[in-house]
Every structure is written in C-alpha cells, then in structure tokens.
C-alpha cells in the first residue's frame, strides 16, 4: 500500500502519523497465540533474571554494517 504524497511530509510529521495510526489499533481485539505469549513470557523472565545480553543502538548499527 502506498500513501499518496507521503514524500511531502517531514520525518517528524511521519512519526506523529505513525503514532496516531498505532494508537488507533484496537488492543482489545488483538489476538496473540499461546505460542507467542509463551515466548514473550520466556523472554521477559530471561530479561528479569539477567540472562539476556543487551546491546546499545551503536552496537546494533555496527553489527548491521558488518553483515551487509
């Protein structure tokens, strides 16, 4: 889907539009499978137990640049 004249908006305006679009999505009707819920619970538990390695945005960008 292409939104006409998207190029005429500034980055800030595009961010605001994306936020408004995201906020308009009904969270009540959002369906998440039990498999996804379980995976999210595992990831949250690993994060809380400090079993997950976190990376800075700079580290992520450097990694992406090395694999391209």
Protein backbone atom coordinates (compact mmCIF):
# COMPACT_ATOMS: atom_id res chain seq x y z
CA UNK A 1 0.00 0.00 0.00
CA UNK A 2 1.39 3.39 -0.94
CA UNK A 3 0.09 6.56 0.63
CA UNK A 4 -0.10 9.36 -1.90
CA UNK A 5 2.18 12.32 -1.32
CA UNK A 6 3.99 10.70 1.63
CA UNK A 7 7.16 12.43 0.43
CA UNK A 8 5.62 15.81 1.22
CA UNK A 9 5.61 15.12 4.97
CA UNK A 10 8.59 15.80 7.22
CA UNK A 11 10.08 12.98 9.28
CA UNK A 12 8.50 14.47 12.41
CA UNK A 13 5.08 14.52 10.75
CA UNK A 14 5.51 10.90 9.62
CA UNK A 15 6.37 9.87 13.18
CA UNK A 16 3.27 11.60 14.52
CA UNK A 17 1.16 9.91 11.85
CA UNK A 18 2.65 6.51 12.74
CA UNK A 19 1.92 7.10 16.43
CA UNK A 20 -1.67 8.07 15.70
CA UNK A 21 -2.11 5.03 13.47
CA UNK A 22 -0.65 2.73 16.13
CA UNK A 23 -2.86 4.25 18.84
CA UNK A 24 -5.92 3.71 16.65
CA UNK A 25 -5.40 -0.06 16.59
CA UNK A 26 -7.80 -1.77 18.97
CA UNK A 27 -5.80 -3.55 21.67
CA UNK A 28 -8.96 -5.36 22.81
CA UNK A 29 -9.24 -7.27 19.54
CA UNK A 30 -5.56 -8.08 19.29
CA UNK A 31 -5.13 -11.84 19.07
CA UNK A 32 -1.86 -13.35 20.26
CA UNK A 33 -1.36 -17.09 20.04
CA UNK A 34 -0.48 -19.10 23.13
CA UNK A 35 2.86 -19.91 21.49
CA UNK A 36 3.72 -16.21 21.15
CA UNK A 37 2.54 -15.48 24.70
CA UNK A 38 4.80 -18.25 26.00
CA UNK A 39 7.77 -16.93 24.05
CA UNK A 40 7.19 -13.41 25.38
CA UNK A 41 6.95 -14.75 28.94
CA UNK A 42 10.24 -16.63 28.49
CA UNK A 43 11.97 -13.55 27.09
CA UNK A 44 10.65 -11.36 29.91
CA UNK A 45 11.78 -13.87 32.52
CA UNK A 46 15.23 -14.09 30.92
CA UNK A 47 15.46 -10.31 30.92
CA UNK A 48 14.46 -10.07 34.58
CA UNK A 49 16.94 -12.84 35.52
CA UNK A 50 19.69 -11.01 33.59
CA UNK A 51 20.11 -13.98 31.23
CA UNK A 52 19.71 -11.76 28.18
CA UNK A 53 22.58 -9.77 26.71
CA UNK A 54 21.56 -6.24 25.81
CA UNK A 55 23.17 -4.14 23.09
CA UNK A 56 23.34 -0.40 22.59
CA UNK A 57 21.96 1.14 19.42
CA UNK A 58 25.55 1.90 18.36
CA UNK A 59 26.49 -1.77 18.75
CA UNK A 60 23.46 -2.85 16.72
CA UNK A 61 24.30 -0.43 13.90
CA UNK A 62 27.93 -1.60 13.87
CA UNK A 63 26.82 -5.22 13.67
CA UNK A 64 24.39 -4.46 10.83
CA UNK A 65 27.13 -2.68 8.91
CA UNK A 66 29.43 -5.70 9.21
CA UNK A 67 26.86 -8.18 7.86
CA UNK A 68 25.80 -6.16 4.81
